[in-house]
Amino acid sequence: MTLLAVLLFVNAAFNVIVWPRFYKRVANDPRARDADGKATTFLKVHAVLIAIALVIALVSVIAGIAALAGAL
């Protein structure tokens, strides 16, 4: 179970480190806003995908803790 927990924690760390930084790049991309400054589909889709990745990170941490506690 320790290997499972480590893998889940590594996954969570990756998601928390990489995706918020990627969001900054996406938000600064010229395709992120239209001429009026409104968010485009490009920005909205990426924001949703990044939010999902961060939820997966949270679930990974919870599952990793459960694995260490022997609940899995």
Protein backbone atom coordinates (compact mmCIF):
# COMPACT_ATOMS: atom_id res chain seq x y z
CA MET A 1 0.00 0.00 0.00
CA THR A 2 2.94 2.33 0.53
CA LEU A 3 3.82 2.28 -3.18
CA LEU A 4 0.22 3.12 -4.03
CA ALA A 5 0.24 6.03 -1.58
CA VAL A 6 3.53 7.36 -2.96
CA LEU A 7 2.23 7.21 -6.52
CA LEU A 8 -0.94 9.02 -5.52
CA PHE A 9 1.03 11.74 -3.70
CA VAL A 10 3.37 12.17 -6.68
CA ASN A 11 0.34 12.52 -8.95
CA ALA A 12 -1.17 15.12 -6.64
CA ALA A 13 2.09 17.07 -6.43
CA PHE A 14 2.47 17.05 -10.21
CA ASN A 15 -1.05 18.38 -10.72
CA VAL A 16 -0.69 21.10 -8.09
CA ILE A 17 2.71 22.24 -9.37
CA VAL A 18 2.15 22.10 -13.13
CA TRP A 19 -1.44 23.08 -13.86
CA PRO A 20 -1.70 26.44 -12.05
CA ARG A 21 1.48 27.57 -13.81
CA PHE A 22 0.00 26.41 -17.12
CA TYR A 23 -3.14 28.44 -16.40
CA LYS A 24 -1.04 31.61 -16.16
CA ARG A 25 0.32 30.93 -19.64
CA VAL A 26 -3.12 30.19 -21.04
CA ALA A 27 -4.61 33.33 -19.44
CA ASN A 28 -1.90 35.48 -21.03
CA ASP A 29 -2.34 33.89 -24.45
CA PRO A 30 -3.87 36.25 -27.04
CA ARG A 31 -6.55 33.64 -27.77
CA ALA A 32 -7.82 33.81 -24.17
CA ARG A 33 -9.74 37.07 -24.60
CA ASP A 34 -11.71 38.56 -27.46
CA ALA A 35 -11.49 42.17 -28.64
CA ASP A 36 -13.86 43.26 -25.85
CA GLY A 37 -11.75 41.54 -23.18
CA LYS A 38 -14.25 38.75 -22.57
CA ALA A 39 -13.02 35.23 -21.88
CA THR A 40 -13.10 33.04 -24.98
CA THR A 41 -13.96 29.36 -25.26
CA PHE A 42 -10.20 28.72 -25.36
CA LEU A 43 -9.79 30.12 -21.85
CA LYS A 44 -12.97 28.57 -20.47
CA VAL A 45 -12.15 25.08 -21.70
CA HIS A 46 -8.62 25.23 -20.31
CA ALA A 47 -9.90 26.57 -16.98
CA VAL A 48 -12.32 23.64 -16.71
CA LEU A 49 -9.60 21.11 -17.58
CA ILE A 50 -7.24 22.62 -15.02
CA ALA A 51 -9.97 22.61 -12.37
CA ILE A 52 -10.59 18.92 -13.07
CA ALA A 53 -6.85 18.23 -12.73
CA LEU A 54 -6.82 19.97 -9.34
CA VAL A 55 -9.85 17.97 -8.18
CA ILE A 56 -8.01 14.81 -9.24
CA ALA A 57 -5.05 16.02 -7.14
CA LEU A 58 -7.30 16.38 -4.11
CA VAL A 59 -8.81 12.93 -4.66
CA SER A 60 -5.31 11.50 -5.03
CA VAL A 61 -4.24 12.96 -1.68
CA ILE A 62 -7.33 11.57 0.04
CA ALA A 63 -6.81 8.15 -1.56
CA GLY A 64 -3.12 8.23 -0.64
CA ILE A 65 -3.96 8.92 2.98
CA ALA A 66 -6.53 6.14 2.91
CA ALA A 67 -3.93 3.79 1.43
CA LEU A 68 -1.47 4.63 4.21
CA ALA A 69 -4.18 4.12 6.80
CA GLY A 70 -4.97 0.72 5.32
CA ALA A 71 -8.48 1.64 4.24
CA LEU A 72 -7.87 0.67 0.60
